[in-house]
């Protein structure tokens, strides 16, 4: 496709809450897209999509793919255990493919999808919205400017307190909070620390949800340059700062609404200099901005900031966290095969 083509003909597989509120919204906010079709197992959702978008609807995504020449992009917003097979089918049908989080349940699935991407020559877009987060972006900017000196600790924390009763509570469907939240919590640390991860310790819990999948997780990551990363999701009424970065000359603390920069030389007695930055925009990134970048990548070959390489790195870490929990041992990270 080139920039002379006016519209990217898109299809959405999965028209639940995220398919409608995040992905359809993101496409509709950008004039480069036209939503040509929606696929969903639910007749009610298909009817809703037809009314909302005035597009074709399908109950079986294989039927949609039989008309692959009519589509330039498919966005997969389905249950986690279906991602790998659907992504491979869409790529092999010759369609650029975006897949919601988690893009893969494990490294083996990621390998299969990357092989399909390579053989198809089409683009694969992992859904990693934190890379468009204004909070994450400002913290990354401050770290890179050496505002707090040499960073030796990056902590990411999210707390919520409610039960859920859907497929996310069951392992057989790819449920669990490590997979569901990993791209929001583990992945940002990997983007903020400019050094490869060396070893990982992880611990999972199932506390308040039914089913058999984790609803709490904690991991400590040691990077080759000595930096420590801590990522945590906790079922709690109140939590810690969403980000905390400690350096040799100060710290960064954020709560999704405001970032506080504290600067101080450790050998001085003066009070720390405090600077605050309000966070404007969606804390997990605006879907309209993400789809704007998807369009530029498809039409003009612009780099897409959520690369498959970074997503693969995150999957490798999540695999290691789970292995550490199961073996009760620290896991040395293996390089990609």
C-alpha atoms as a PDB file:
ATOM      1  CA  UNK A   1       0.000   0.000   0.000  1.00  0.00           C
ATOM      2  CA  UNK A   2       1.198   3.562  -0.632  1.00  0.00           C
ATOM      3  CA  UNK A   3       0.158   7.010   0.475  1.00  0.00           C
ATOM      4  CA  UNK A   4      -1.945   7.472  -2.692  1.00  0.00           C
ATOM      5  CA  UNK A   5      -4.522   5.039  -1.287  1.00  0.00           C
ATOM      6  CA  UNK A   6      -6.988   7.134   0.641  1.00  0.00           C
ATOM      7  CA  UNK A   7      -8.294   4.578   3.102  1.00  0.00           C
ATOM      8  CA  UNK A   8      -6.992   1.614   5.057  1.00  0.00           C
ATOM      9  CA  UNK A   9      -9.762  -0.973   4.869  1.00  0.00           C
ATOM     10  CA  UNK A  10      -9.892  -2.421   8.373  1.00  0.00           C
ATOM     11  CA  UNK A  11     -11.670  -5.293  10.082  1.00  0.00           C
ATOM     12  CA  UNK A  12     -12.079  -5.873  13.808  1.00  0.00           C
ATOM     13  CA  UNK A  13     -12.304  -9.398  15.180  1.00  0.00           C
ATOM     14  CA  UNK A  14     -13.962  -9.156  18.590  1.00  0.00           C
ATOM     15  CA  UNK A  15     -16.475  -6.372  19.246  1.00  0.00           C
ATOM     16  CA  UNK A  16     -16.633  -6.511  23.022  1.00  0.00           C
ATOM     17  CA  UNK A  17     -15.840  -3.559  25.267  1.00  0.00           C
ATOM     18  CA  UNK A  18     -12.261  -3.133  24.098  1.00  0.00           C
ATOM     19  CA  UNK A  19     -13.069  -3.792  20.450  1.00  0.00           C
ATOM     20  CA  UNK A  20     -15.666  -1.045  20.493  1.00  0.00           C
ATOM     21  CA  UNK A  21     -14.371   1.514  22.980  1.00  0.00           C
ATOM     22  CA  UNK A  22     -10.667   1.282  22.182  1.00  0.00           C
ATOM     23  CA  UNK A  23     -10.154  -0.084  18.681  1.00  0.00           C
ATOM     24  CA  UNK A  24     -13.203   1.118  16.762  1.00  0.00           C
ATOM     25  CA  UNK A  25     -12.752   4.495  18.450  1.00  0.00           C
ATOM     26  CA  UNK A  26      -9.065   4.606  17.519  1.00  0.00           C
ATOM     27  CA  UNK A  27      -9.803   3.907  13.870  1.00  0.00           C
ATOM     28  CA  UNK A  28     -12.757   6.300  13.655  1.00  0.00           C
ATOM     29  CA  UNK A  29     -10.581   9.087  15.071  1.00  0.00           C
ATOM     30  CA  UNK A  30      -8.268   8.827  12.058  1.00  0.00           C
ATOM     31  CA  UNK A  31      -9.502   9.595   8.522  1.00  0.00           C
ATOM     32  CA  UNK A  32      -7.054   7.096   7.021  1.00  0.00           C
ATOM     33  CA  UNK A  33      -9.262   4.198   8.163  1.00  0.00           C
ATOM     34  CA  UNK A  34     -12.591   2.840   7.088  1.00  0.00           C
ATOM     35  CA  UNK A  35     -13.989  -0.015   9.177  1.00  0.00           C
ATOM     36  CA  UNK A  36     -15.202  -2.437   6.527  1.00  0.00           C
ATOM     37  CA  UNK A  37     -16.134  -5.409   8.722  1.00  0.00           C
ATOM     38  CA  UNK A  38     -16.522  -6.743  12.236  1.00  0.00           C
ATOM     39  CA  UNK A  39     -16.419 -10.377  13.275  1.00  0.00           C
ATOM     40  CA  UNK A  40     -17.827 -11.629  16.570  1.00  0.00           C
ATOM     41  CA  UNK A  41     -19.284 -14.905  17.829  1.00  0.00           C
ATOM     42  CA  UNK A  42     -22.150 -13.020  19.486  1.00  0.00           C
ATOM     43  CA  UNK A  43     -25.171 -12.243  17.318  1.00  0.00           C
ATOM     44  CA  UNK A  44     -26.001  -9.333  19.625  1.00  0.00           C
ATOM     45  CA  UNK A  45     -22.551  -7.806  19.154  1.00  0.00           C
ATOM     46  CA  UNK A  46     -22.684  -8.319  15.398  1.00  0.00           C
ATOM     47  CA  UNK A  47     -25.969  -6.439  15.300  1.00  0.00           C
ATOM     48  CA  UNK A  48     -24.500  -3.698  17.462  1.00  0.00           C
ATOM     49  CA  UNK A  49     -21.475  -3.396  15.166  1.00  0.00           C
ATOM     50  CA  UNK A  50     -23.693  -3.217  12.086  1.00  0.00           C
ATOM     51  CA  UNK A  51     -25.729  -0.428  13.670  1.00  0.00           C
ATOM     52  CA  UNK A  52     -22.703   1.449  15.024  1.00  0.00           C
ATOM     53  CA  UNK A  53     -20.459   1.184  11.989  1.00  0.00           C
ATOM     54  CA  UNK A  54     -22.743   0.285   9.050  1.00  0.00           C
ATOM     55  CA  UNK A  55     -20.246  -2.383   8.051  1.00  0.00           C
ATOM     56  CA  UNK A  56     -20.331  -6.040   7.058  1.00  0.00           C
ATOM     57  CA  UNK A  57     -20.457  -8.502   9.942  1.00  0.00           C
ATOM     58  CA  UNK A  58     -19.234 -12.079  10.237  1.00  0.00           C
ATOM     59  CA  UNK A  59     -19.698 -14.843  12.795  1.00  0.00           C
ATOM     60  CA  UNK A  60     -16.619 -16.804  11.632  1.00  0.00           C
ATOM     61  CA  UNK A  61     -13.319 -15.067  11.011  1.00  0.00           C
ATOM     62  CA  UNK A  62     -12.382 -17.673   8.407  1.00  0.00           C
ATOM     63  CA  UNK A  63     -15.263 -16.384   6.291  1.00  0.00           C
ATOM     64  CA  UNK A  64     -13.888 -12.875   6.693  1.00  0.00           C
ATOM     65  CA  UNK A  65     -10.429 -14.059   5.612  1.00  0.00           C
ATOM     66  CA  UNK A  66     -11.911 -15.723   2.532  1.00  0.00           C
ATOM     67  CA  UNK A  67     -12.420 -12.139   1.327  1.00  0.00           C
ATOM     68  CA  UNK A  68      -8.891 -11.099   2.316  1.00  0.00           C
ATOM     69  CA  UNK A  69      -8.443  -8.950  -0.790  1.00  0.00           C
ATOM     70  CA  UNK A  70     -11.001  -6.551   0.696  1.00  0.00           C
ATOM     71  CA  UNK A  71      -8.944  -5.795   3.817  1.00  0.00           C
ATOM     72  CA  UNK A  72      -5.638  -4.076   4.529  1.00  0.00           C
ATOM     73  CA  UNK A  73      -5.627  -4.445   8.330  1.00  0.00           C
ATOM     74  CA  UNK A  74      -7.234  -6.801  10.809  1.00  0.00           C
ATOM     75  CA  UNK A  75      -7.298  -5.917  14.509  1.00  0.00           C
ATOM     76  CA  UNK A  76      -7.661  -8.963  16.765  1.00  0.00           C
ATOM     77  CA  UNK A  77      -9.401  -8.150  20.064  1.00  0.00           C
ATOM     78  CA  UNK A  78     -10.358 -11.624  21.268  1.00  0.00           C
ATOM     79  CA  UNK A  79      -9.676 -13.993  24.143  1.00  0.00           C
ATOM     80  CA  UNK A  80      -5.967 -14.408  24.816  1.00  0.00           C
ATOM     81  CA  UNK A  81      -5.762 -18.100  23.949  1.00  0.00           C
ATOM     82  CA  UNK A  82      -7.010 -17.382  20.402  1.00  0.00           C
ATOM     83  CA  UNK A  83      -4.425 -14.755  19.481  1.00  0.00           C
ATOM     84  CA  UNK A  84      -1.677 -16.943  18.057  1.00  0.00           C
ATOM     85  CA  UNK A  85      -3.796 -18.948  15.620  1.00  0.00           C
ATOM     86  CA  UNK A  86      -5.773 -15.898  14.494  1.00  0.00           C
ATOM     87  CA  UNK A  87      -2.668 -13.778  13.972  1.00  0.00           C
ATOM     88  CA  UNK A  88      -1.002 -16.495  11.903  1.00  0.00           C
ATOM     89  CA  UNK A  89      -4.157 -16.995   9.825  1.00  0.00           C
ATOM     90  CA  UNK A  90      -4.530 -13.259   9.156  1.00  0.00           C
ATOM     91  CA  UNK A  91      -0.886 -12.773   8.232  1.00  0.00           C
ATOM     92  CA  UNK A  92      -0.913 -15.852   6.023  1.00  0.00           C
ATOM     93  CA  UNK A  93      -3.980 -14.424   4.278  1.00  0.00           C
ATOM     94  CA  UNK A  94      -1.839 -11.432   3.331  1.00  0.00           C
ATOM     95  CA  UNK A  95      -3.263  -8.840   5.735  1.00  0.00           C
ATOM     96  CA  UNK A  96      -1.430  -6.514   8.105  1.00  0.00           C
ATOM     97  CA  UNK A  97      -2.412  -7.553  11.629  1.00  0.00           C
ATOM     98  CA  UNK A  98      -2.730  -5.805  14.990  1.00  0.00           C
ATOM     99  CA  UNK A  99      -3.215  -7.952  18.081  1.00  0.00           C
ATOM    100  CA  UNK A 100      -4.343  -6.829  21.508  1.00  0.00           C
ATOM    101  CA  UNK A 101      -2.480  -7.659  24.714  1.00  0.00           C
ATOM    102  CA  UNK A 102      -1.088 -10.106  25.467  1.00  0.00           C
ATOM    103  CA  UNK A 103       0.076 -10.569  21.900  1.00  0.00           C
ATOM    104  CA  UNK A 104       1.302 -14.077  22.838  1.00  0.00           C
ATOM    105  CA  UNK A 105       0.789 -16.399  25.780  1.00  0.00           C
ATOM    106  CA  UNK A 106       4.431 -17.465  25.707  1.00  0.00           C
ATOM    107  CA  UNK A 107       7.631 -17.425  23.709  1.00  0.00           C
ATOM    108  CA  UNK A 108       6.590 -20.426  21.597  1.00  0.00           C
ATOM    109  CA  UNK A 109       3.491 -18.589  20.355  1.00  0.00           C
ATOM    110  CA  UNK A 110       5.551 -15.467  19.709  1.00  0.00           C
ATOM    111  CA  UNK A 111       7.940 -17.525  17.584  1.00  0.00           C
ATOM    112  CA  UNK A 112       5.043 -18.862  15.505  1.00  0.00           C
ATOM    113  CA  UNK A 113       3.651 -15.380  14.894  1.00  0.00           C
ATOM    114  CA  UNK A 114       7.029 -13.938  13.940  1.00  0.00           C
ATOM    115  CA  UNK A 115       7.536 -16.792  11.476  1.00  0.00           C
ATOM    116  CA  UNK A 116       4.145 -16.004   9.913  1.00  0.00           C
ATOM    117  CA  UNK A 117       5.045 -12.324   9.742  1.00  0.00           C
ATOM    118  CA  UNK A 118       8.318 -13.092   7.998  1.00  0.00           C
ATOM    119  CA  UNK A 119       6.811 -15.466   5.438  1.00  0.00           C
ATOM    120  CA  UNK A 120       3.854 -13.182   4.694  1.00  0.00           C
ATOM    121  CA  UNK A 121       5.805  -9.961   4.327  1.00  0.00           C
ATOM    122  CA  UNK A 122       3.040  -8.160   6.229  1.00  0.00           C
ATOM    123  CA  UNK A 123       3.338  -6.078   9.390  1.00  0.00           C
ATOM    124  CA  UNK A 124       2.444  -7.318  12.848  1.00  0.00           C
ATOM    125  CA  UNK A 125       1.506  -4.634  15.368  1.00  0.00           C
ATOM    126  CA  UNK A 126       1.580  -5.698  19.060  1.00  0.00           C
ATOM    127  CA  UNK A 127      -0.845  -3.671  21.190  1.00  0.00           C
ATOM    128  CA  UNK A 128       1.432  -2.048  23.798  1.00  0.00           C
ATOM    129  CA  UNK A 129      -0.445   1.167  24.709  1.00  0.00           C
ATOM    130  CA  UNK A 130       1.879   2.160  27.566  1.00  0.00           C
ATOM    131  CA  UNK A 131       4.413   3.241  24.947  1.00  0.00           C
ATOM    132  CA  UNK A 132       1.932   6.033  24.096  1.00  0.00           C
ATOM    133  CA  UNK A 133       1.272   6.898  27.757  1.00  0.00           C
ATOM    134  CA  UNK A 134       2.016  10.563  28.555  1.00  0.00           C
ATOM    135  CA  UNK A 135       3.142   9.450  32.021  1.00  0.00           C
ATOM    136  CA  UNK A 136       5.587   6.890  30.666  1.00  0.00           C
ATOM    137  CA  UNK A 137       6.799   9.271  27.952  1.00  0.00           C
ATOM    138  CA  UNK A 138       7.634  12.085  30.389  1.00  0.00           C
ATOM    139  CA  UNK A 139       9.397   9.720  32.799  1.00  0.00           C
ATOM    140  CA  UNK A 140      11.435   8.311  29.922  1.00  0.00           C
ATOM    141  CA  UNK A 141      12.357  11.837  28.872  1.00  0.00           C
ATOM    142  CA  UNK A 142      13.492  12.735  32.396  1.00  0.00           C
ATOM    143  CA  UNK A 143      15.589   9.572  32.694  1.00  0.00           C
ATOM    144  CA  UNK A 144      17.258  10.161  29.333  1.00  0.00           C
ATOM    145  CA  UNK A 145      18.059  13.755  30.256  1.00  0.00           C
ATOM    146  CA  UNK A 146      19.844  12.422  33.368  1.00  0.00           C
ATOM    147  CA  UNK A 147      17.603  14.558  35.565  1.00  0.00           C
ATOM    148  CA  UNK A 148      18.131  12.136  38.456  1.00  0.00           C
ATOM    149  CA  UNK A 149      21.647  11.004  37.584  1.00  0.00           C
ATOM    150  CA  UNK A 150      22.376   7.329  37.095  1.00  0.00           C
ATOM    151  CA  UNK A 151      19.216   5.300  37.655  1.00  0.00           C
ATOM    152  CA  UNK A 152      19.522   2.243  39.887  1.00  0.00           C
ATOM    153  CA  UNK A 153      15.854   1.456  40.679  1.00  0.00           C
ATOM    154  CA  UNK A 154      12.698   1.536  38.560  1.00  0.00           C
ATOM    155  CA  UNK A 155       9.466   0.454  40.239  1.00  0.00           C
ATOM    156  CA  UNK A 156       6.064   0.084  38.581  1.00  0.00           C
ATOM    157  CA  UNK A 157       2.973  -0.604  40.693  1.00  0.00           C
ATOM    158  CA  UNK A 158      -0.756  -0.939  40.006  1.00  0.00           C
ATOM    159  CA  UNK A 159      -3.410  -1.639  42.647  1.00  0.00           C
ATOM    160  CA  UNK A 160      -7.089  -2.442  42.146  1.00  0.00           C
ATOM    161  CA  UNK A 161      -9.581  -4.193  44.362  1.00  0.00           C
ATOM    162  CA  UNK A 162     -12.479  -5.997  42.751  1.00  0.00           C
ATOM    163  CA  UNK A 163     -13.489  -9.484  41.741  1.00  0.00           C
ATOM    164  CA  UNK A 164     -14.056 -10.559  38.189  1.00  0.00           C
ATOM    165  CA  UNK A 165     -15.973 -13.584  36.965  1.00  0.00           C
ATOM    166  CA  UNK A 166     -14.972 -13.870  33.316  1.00  0.00           C
ATOM    167  CA  UNK A 167     -12.496 -15.935  31.291  1.00  0.00           C
ATOM    168  CA  UNK A 168      -9.605 -13.849  32.674  1.00  0.00           C
ATOM    169  CA  UNK A 169      -9.779 -15.972  35.834  1.00  0.00           C
ATOM    170  CA  UNK A 170      -9.050 -19.247  33.996  1.00  0.00           C
ATOM    171  CA  UNK A 171      -5.651 -20.472  32.810  1.00  0.00           C
ATOM    172  CA  UNK A 172      -7.106 -22.527  29.944  1.00  0.00           C
ATOM    173  CA  UNK A 173      -8.223 -19.304  28.266  1.00  0.00           C
ATOM    174  CA  UNK A 174      -4.933 -17.492  28.801  1.00  0.00           C
ATOM    175  CA  UNK A 175      -6.280 -15.678  31.852  1.00  0.00           C
ATOM    176  CA  UNK A 176      -4.394 -14.274  34.792  1.00  0.00           C
ATOM    177  CA  UNK A 177      -3.158 -10.827  35.673  1.00  0.00           C
ATOM    178  CA  UNK A 178       0.475 -11.431  34.728  1.00  0.00           C
ATOM    179  CA  UNK A 179      -0.580 -11.879  31.098  1.00  0.00           C
ATOM    180  CA  UNK A 180      -3.388  -9.325  31.246  1.00  0.00           C
ATOM    181  CA  UNK A 181      -1.328  -6.580  32.893  1.00  0.00           C
ATOM    182  CA  UNK A 182       2.200  -7.528  31.878  1.00  0.00           C
ATOM    183  CA  UNK A 183       2.292  -5.131  28.931  1.00  0.00           C
ATOM    184  CA  UNK A 184       1.165  -2.322  31.269  1.00  0.00           C
ATOM    185  CA  UNK A 185       3.467  -3.095  34.193  1.00  0.00           C
ATOM    186  CA  UNK A 186       6.498  -5.204  33.223  1.00  0.00           C
ATOM    187  CA  UNK A 187       6.971  -3.843  29.700  1.00  0.00           C
ATOM    188  CA  UNK A 188       7.433  -0.167  30.720  1.00  0.00           C
ATOM    189  CA  UNK A 189      10.341  -1.069  32.999  1.00  0.00           C
ATOM    190  CA  UNK A 190      12.063  -2.765  30.080  1.00  0.00           C
ATOM    191  CA  UNK A 191      11.615   0.403  28.056  1.00  0.00           C
ATOM    192  CA  UNK A 192      12.967   2.662  30.805  1.00  0.00           C
ATOM    193  CA  UNK A 193      16.127   0.697  31.660  1.00  0.00           C
ATOM    194  CA  UNK A 194      18.800   0.951  28.980  1.00  0.00           C
ATOM    195  CA  UNK A 195      20.351  -2.417  29.711  1.00  0.00           C
ATOM    196  CA  UNK A 196      19.407  -6.069  29.044  1.00  0.00           C
ATOM    197  CA  UNK A 197      17.636  -7.987  31.793  1.00  0.00           C
ATOM    198  CA  UNK A 198      19.920 -10.595  33.344  1.00  0.00           C
ATOM    199  CA  UNK A 199      17.881 -12.540  35.890  1.00  0.00           C
ATOM    200  CA  UNK A 200      14.339 -12.553  37.243  1.00  0.00           C
ATOM    201  CA  UNK A 201      12.496 -13.537  40.393  1.00  0.00           C
ATOM    202  CA  UNK A 202       8.714 -13.820  40.288  1.00  0.00           C
ATOM    203  CA  UNK A 203       5.880 -14.715  42.615  1.00  0.00           C
ATOM    204  CA  UNK A 204       2.193 -15.105  41.733  1.00  0.00           C
ATOM    205  CA  UNK A 205      -0.876 -15.295  43.957  1.00  0.00           C
ATOM    206  CA  UNK A 206      -4.551 -16.064  43.571  1.00  0.00           C
ATOM    207  CA  UNK A 207      -6.318 -14.099  46.280  1.00  0.00           C
ATOM    208  CA  UNK A 208      -9.890 -12.931  45.623  1.00  0.00           C
ATOM    209  CA  UNK A 209     -10.909 -14.114  42.158  1.00  0.00           C
ATOM    210  CA  UNK A 210     -12.547 -17.448  41.330  1.00  0.00           C
ATOM    211  CA  UNK A 211     -10.987 -19.769  38.780  1.00  0.00           C
ATOM    212  CA  UNK A 212      -7.368 -20.924  38.838  1.00  0.00           C
ATOM    213  CA  UNK A 213      -5.417 -17.976  37.398  1.00  0.00           C
ATOM    214  CA  UNK A 214      -3.259 -15.457  39.268  1.00  0.00           C
ATOM    215  CA  UNK A 215      -4.690 -12.109  40.357  1.00  0.00           C
ATOM    216  CA  UNK A 216      -1.540 -10.731  42.054  1.00  0.00           C
ATOM    217  CA  UNK A 217       2.057 -10.776  40.886  1.00  0.00           C
ATOM    218  CA  UNK A 218       5.416  -9.405  41.921  1.00  0.00           C
ATOM    219  CA  UNK A 219       8.716  -9.573  40.082  1.00  0.00           C
ATOM    220  CA  UNK A 220      12.232  -8.327  40.695  1.00  0.00           C
ATOM    221  CA  UNK A 221      14.439  -7.920  37.625  1.00  0.00           C
ATOM    222  CA  UNK A 222      18.202  -7.539  37.697  1.00  0.00           C
ATOM    223  CA  UNK A 223      19.673  -5.782  34.673  1.00  0.00           C
ATOM    224  CA  UNK A 224      23.202  -6.202  33.391  1.00  0.00           C
ATOM    225  CA  UNK A 225      24.171  -2.658  34.409  1.00  0.00           C
ATOM    226  CA  UNK A 226      23.062  -3.377  37.998  1.00  0.00           C
ATOM    227  CA  UNK A 227      19.724  -1.559  37.839  1.00  0.00           C
ATOM    228  CA  UNK A 228      16.889  -3.198  39.762  1.00  0.00           C
ATOM    229  CA  UNK A 229      13.354  -3.296  38.352  1.00  0.00           C
ATOM    230  CA  UNK A 230      10.314  -4.128  40.469  1.00  0.00           C
ATOM    231  CA  UNK A 231       6.902  -4.694  38.857  1.00  0.00           C
ATOM    232  CA  UNK A 232       3.794  -5.434  40.872  1.00  0.00           C
ATOM    233  CA  UNK A 233       0.045  -5.793  40.547  1.00  0.00           C
ATOM    234  CA  UNK A 234      -1.715  -5.991  43.923  1.00  0.00           C
ATOM    235  CA  UNK A 235      -5.350  -6.436  44.865  1.00  0.00           C
ATOM    236  CA  UNK A 236      -5.496  -3.503  47.254  1.00  0.00           C
ATOM    237  CA  UNK A 237      -7.761  -0.589  48.094  1.00  0.00           C
ATOM    238  CA  UNK A 238      -4.865   1.847  47.834  1.00  0.00           C
ATOM    239  CA  UNK A 239      -1.443   1.435  46.350  1.00  0.00           C
ATOM    240  CA  UNK A 240       2.051   2.810  45.939  1.00  0.00           C
ATOM    241  CA  UNK A 241       3.100   5.367  43.316  1.00  0.00           C
ATOM    242  CA  UNK A 242       2.421   4.137  39.779  1.00  0.00           C
ATOM    243  CA  UNK A 243       6.097   4.780  38.948  1.00  0.00           C
ATOM    244  CA  UNK A 244       9.084   5.383  41.171  1.00  0.00           C
ATOM    245  CA  UNK A 245      12.547   5.926  39.694  1.00  0.00           C
ATOM    246  CA  UNK A 246      15.544   6.410  41.977  1.00  0.00           C
ATOM    247  CA  UNK A 247      18.847   7.766  40.729  1.00  0.00           C
ATOM    248  CA  UNK A 248      22.127   8.939  42.175  1.00  0.00           C
ATOM    249  CA  UNK A 249      20.985  12.577  42.152  1.00  0.00           C
ATOM    250  CA  UNK A 250      17.271  12.386  42.790  1.00  0.00           C
ATOM    251  CA  UNK A 251      14.035  10.539  42.156  1.00  0.00           C
ATOM    252  CA  UNK A 252      10.905  10.562  40.020  1.00  0.00           C
ATOM    253  CA  UNK A 253       7.535   9.706  41.548  1.00  0.00           C
ATOM    254  CA  UNK A 254       4.222   9.553  39.715  1.00  0.00           C
ATOM    255  CA  UNK A 255       0.597   8.754  40.541  1.00  0.00           C
ATOM    256  CA  UNK A 256      -0.960   8.812  37.013  1.00  0.00           C
ATOM    257  CA  UNK A 257      -2.106  12.405  37.607  1.00  0.00           C
ATOM    258  CA  UNK A 258       1.141  14.211  38.361  1.00  0.00           C
ATOM    259  CA  UNK A 259       4.843  13.470  38.074  1.00  0.00           C
ATOM    260  CA  UNK A 260       7.117  14.813  40.803  1.00  0.00           C
ATOM    261  CA  UNK A 261      10.822  15.270  40.119  1.00  0.00           C
ATOM    262  CA  UNK A 262      13.003  15.553  43.240  1.00  0.00           C
ATOM    263  CA  UNK A 263      16.618  16.582  42.606  1.00  0.00           C
ATOM    264  CA  UNK A 264      19.330  16.521  45.246  1.00  0.00           C
ATOM    265  CA  UNK A 265      23.029  15.796  45.461  1.00  0.00           C
ATOM    266  CA  UNK A 266      23.471  13.084  48.124  1.00  0.00           C
ATOM    267  CA  UNK A 267      26.433  14.871  49.735  1.00  0.00           C
ATOM    268  CA  UNK A 268      24.580  18.167  50.201  1.00  0.00           C
ATOM    269  CA  UNK A 269      22.401  19.203  53.140  1.00  0.00           C
ATOM    270  CA  UNK A 270      19.998  21.418  51.158  1.00  0.00           C
ATOM    271  CA  UNK A 271      16.425  20.331  50.628  1.00  0.00           C
ATOM    272  CA  UNK A 272      15.638  18.598  47.359  1.00  0.00           C
ATOM    273  CA  UNK A 273      14.464  20.783  44.489  1.00  0.00           C
ATOM    274  CA  UNK A 274      10.900  19.746  43.673  1.00  0.00           C
ATOM    275  CA  UNK A 275       9.367  20.140  40.205  1.00  0.00           C
ATOM    276  CA  UNK A 276       5.939  18.836  39.213  1.00  0.00           C
ATOM    277  CA  UNK A 277       4.543  17.970  35.801  1.00  0.00           C
ATOM    278  CA  UNK A 278       0.794  17.457  35.339  1.00  0.00           C
ATOM    279  CA  UNK A 279      -0.136  14.409  33.264  1.00  0.00           C
ATOM    280  CA  UNK A 280      -2.545  15.283  30.494  1.00  0.00           C
ATOM    281  CA  UNK A 281      -4.271  12.550  28.527  1.00  0.00           C
ATOM    282  CA  UNK A 282      -5.077   8.894  29.055  1.00  0.00           C
ATOM    283  CA  UNK A 283      -2.667   7.191  31.479  1.00  0.00           C
ATOM    284  CA  UNK A 284      -2.463   4.103  29.252  1.00  0.00           C
ATOM    285  CA  UNK A 285      -2.210   6.010  25.988  1.00  0.00           C
ATOM    286  CA  UNK A 286      -4.842   7.353  23.606  1.00  0.00           C
ATOM    287  CA  UNK A 287      -5.990   4.750  21.101  1.00  0.00           C
ATOM    288  CA  UNK A 288      -6.439   7.484  18.492  1.00  0.00           C
ATOM    289  CA  UNK A 289      -2.714   8.257  18.702  1.00  0.00           C
ATOM    290  CA  UNK A 290      -1.819   4.583  18.414  1.00  0.00           C
ATOM    291  CA  UNK A 291      -3.932   4.082  15.308  1.00  0.00           C
ATOM    292  CA  UNK A 292      -2.543   7.268  13.815  1.00  0.00           C
ATOM    293  CA  UNK A 293       0.888   5.665  14.048  1.00  0.00           C
ATOM    294  CA  UNK A 294      -0.451   2.370  12.659  1.00  0.00           C
ATOM    295  CA  UNK A 295      -1.722   4.290   9.634  1.00  0.00           C
ATOM    296  CA  UNK A 296       1.585   6.065   9.112  1.00  0.00           C
ATOM    297  CA  UNK A 297       3.427   2.772   9.332  1.00  0.00           C
ATOM    298  CA  UNK A 298       1.183   1.063   6.771  1.00  0.00           C
ATOM    299  CA  UNK A 299       0.927   3.998   4.375  1.00  0.00           C
ATOM    300  CA  UNK A 300       4.380   5.530   4.620  1.00  0.00           C
ATOM    301  CA  UNK A 301       6.614   2.936   6.252  1.00  0.00           C
ATOM    302  CA  UNK A 302       7.090   5.050   9.396  1.00  0.00           C
ATOM    303  CA  UNK A 303       8.585   3.159  12.373  1.00  0.00           C
ATOM    304  CA  UNK A 304       6.036   1.868  14.874  1.00  0.00           C
ATOM    305  CA  UNK A 305       7.226   2.383  18.430  1.00  0.00           C
ATOM    306  CA  UNK A 306       5.787  -0.900  19.764  1.00  0.00           C
ATOM    307  CA  UNK A 307       8.052  -3.254  17.857  1.00  0.00           C
ATOM    308  CA  UNK A 308       7.770  -7.015  17.731  1.00  0.00           C
ATOM    309  CA  UNK A 309      11.313  -7.113  19.160  1.00  0.00           C
ATOM    310  CA  UNK A 310      10.237  -5.215  22.291  1.00  0.00           C
ATOM    311  CA  UNK A 311       7.084  -7.338  22.612  1.00  0.00           C
ATOM    312  CA  UNK A 312       9.174 -10.506  22.314  1.00  0.00           C
ATOM    313  CA  UNK A 313      11.491  -9.193  25.027  1.00  0.00           C
ATOM    314  CA  UNK A 314       8.471  -8.664  27.286  1.00  0.00           C
ATOM    315  CA  UNK A 315       7.141 -12.153  26.595  1.00  0.00           C
ATOM    316  CA  UNK A 316      10.543 -13.615  27.462  1.00  0.00           C
ATOM    317  CA  UNK A 317      10.405 -11.815  30.816  1.00  0.00           C
ATOM    318  CA  UNK A 318       6.845 -12.959  31.531  1.00  0.00           C
ATOM    319  CA  UNK A 319       7.822 -16.550  30.776  1.00  0.00           C
ATOM    320  CA  UNK A 320      10.731 -16.194  33.201  1.00  0.00           C
ATOM    321  CA  UNK A 321       8.503 -14.710  35.922  1.00  0.00           C
ATOM    322  CA  UNK A 322       6.161 -17.674  35.659  1.00  0.00           C
ATOM    323  CA  UNK A 323       9.066 -20.150  35.629  1.00  0.00           C
ATOM    324  CA  UNK A 324      10.534 -18.507  38.713  1.00  0.00           C
ATOM    325  CA  UNK A 325       7.223 -18.799  40.533  1.00  0.00           C
ATOM    326  CA  UNK A 326       6.809 -22.456  39.594  1.00  0.00           C
ATOM    327  CA  UNK A 327      10.374 -23.457  40.514  1.00  0.00           C
ATOM    328  CA  UNK A 328      10.749 -21.050  43.458  1.00  0.00           C
ATOM    329  CA  UNK A 329      14.107 -20.053  42.008  1.00  0.00           C
ATOM    330  CA  UNK A 330      15.667 -17.041  40.352  1.00  0.00           C
ATOM    331  CA  UNK A 331      15.728 -17.541  36.578  1.00  0.00           C
ATOM    332  CA  UNK A 332      18.670 -16.616  34.366  1.00  0.00           C
ATOM    333  CA  UNK A 333      17.391 -15.146  31.141  1.00  0.00           C
ATOM    334  CA  UNK A 334      18.201 -17.067  27.983  1.00  0.00           C
ATOM    335  CA  UNK A 335      18.976 -15.191  24.792  1.00  0.00           C
ATOM    336  CA  UNK A 336      16.509 -15.648  21.905  1.00  0.00           C
ATOM    337  CA  UNK A 337      17.166 -18.780  19.844  1.00  0.00           C
END
